[in-house]
Amino acid sequence: MMEKSGQQAAVERDTNALDIVLIVVALAALIAGLWAFYHYEDVEAAWIRWLIVLGSLVAAALIALTSQIGRNLWNFVQGSRVELRKVVWPSRDETVKTTLVVFLFVSIAGVFFWGLDIFLSWLAKKLTGAE
């Protein structure tokens, strides 16, 4: 049987029945907002229906964030943002040059495979006598 990593085991220990209930309530709030959007389709002002969906989405997110699962997710998002700031992005010049090289090699590969297809088609016709 596989051993669980320390972090995975800690997450499972931190999750309790209340967290599951909070996630279910959050999903119920989201589903209720979507249900209301379609149930009240006779409302003339579409912005009211969209406001209900947005409100249910915000309520679901706030409810979910009160659970340990939501807090773990939020910590992951914050850590990802920190790591994203450490990324060194290429300059515009590097990006343009790399893009041109990719287009060039894709064009060369396209011509090569087109020629290979024509040749194999011709060869298959010759071998089968289908001309």
Foldseek 3Di string as FASTA:
>chain_A
DDDDDPVVVVLVVQADPVLVVLLVVLVVLLVVLVCQLVVVVVDPDNVVSVVSNVVSNVVSLVSNCVGSVNVVVVVVVVVVVVVVVVDDDDDPVVVVVVVVVVVVVVVVVVVVVVVVVVVVVVVVCVVVVVD
